[in-house]
Amino acid sequence: MTNILLAFSIPVILLTGALIWSYFIEKESRQAKKKNKK
């Protein structure tokens, strides 16, 4: 049972981390674009 939970939770955690990471990168790039425009 524990193995099943681990096998399921690890990809979910990685996916969530990737989504949050990409969101922050997008946010930073948007701010940079705004600064460059002025």
Protein backbone atom coordinates (compact mmCIF):
# COMPACT_ATOMS: atom_id res chain seq x y z
CA MET A 1 0.00 0.00 0.00
CA THR A 2 2.80 2.42 0.89
CA ASN A 3 4.58 1.65 -2.38
CA ILE A 4 1.43 2.50 -4.37
CA LEU A 5 1.09 5.83 -2.54
CA LEU A 6 4.75 6.66 -3.18
CA ALA A 7 4.52 5.70 -6.85
CA PHE A 8 1.48 7.97 -7.22
CA SER A 9 2.59 10.92 -5.07
CA ILE A 10 6.09 11.38 -6.55
CA PRO A 11 4.89 12.19 -10.14
CA VAL A 12 2.15 14.42 -8.74
CA ILE A 13 4.66 16.37 -6.62
CA LEU A 14 7.01 16.71 -9.60
CA LEU A 15 4.16 17.88 -11.84
CA THR A 16 2.99 20.44 -9.26
CA GLY A 17 6.54 21.69 -8.81
CA ALA A 18 6.98 22.03 -12.57
CA LEU A 19 3.72 23.99 -12.89
CA ILE A 20 4.67 26.38 -10.06
CA TRP A 21 8.20 26.77 -11.49
CA SER A 22 6.92 27.57 -14.99
CA TYR A 23 4.38 30.02 -13.51
CA PHE A 24 7.12 31.92 -11.66
CA ILE A 25 9.36 31.98 -14.76
CA GLU A 26 6.46 33.36 -16.82
CA LYS A 27 5.79 36.00 -14.15
CA GLU A 28 9.46 37.06 -14.12
CA SER A 29 9.66 37.21 -17.93
CA ARG A 30 6.49 39.34 -18.05
CA GLN A 31 7.97 41.80 -15.56
CA ALA A 32 11.19 41.94 -17.60
CA LYS A 33 9.20 42.67 -20.76
CA LYS A 34 7.35 45.49 -18.99
CA LYS A 35 10.64 46.98 -17.79
CA ASN A 36 12.12 46.83 -21.30
CA LYS A 37 9.09 48.58 -22.83
CA LYS A 38 8.87 51.64 -20.52
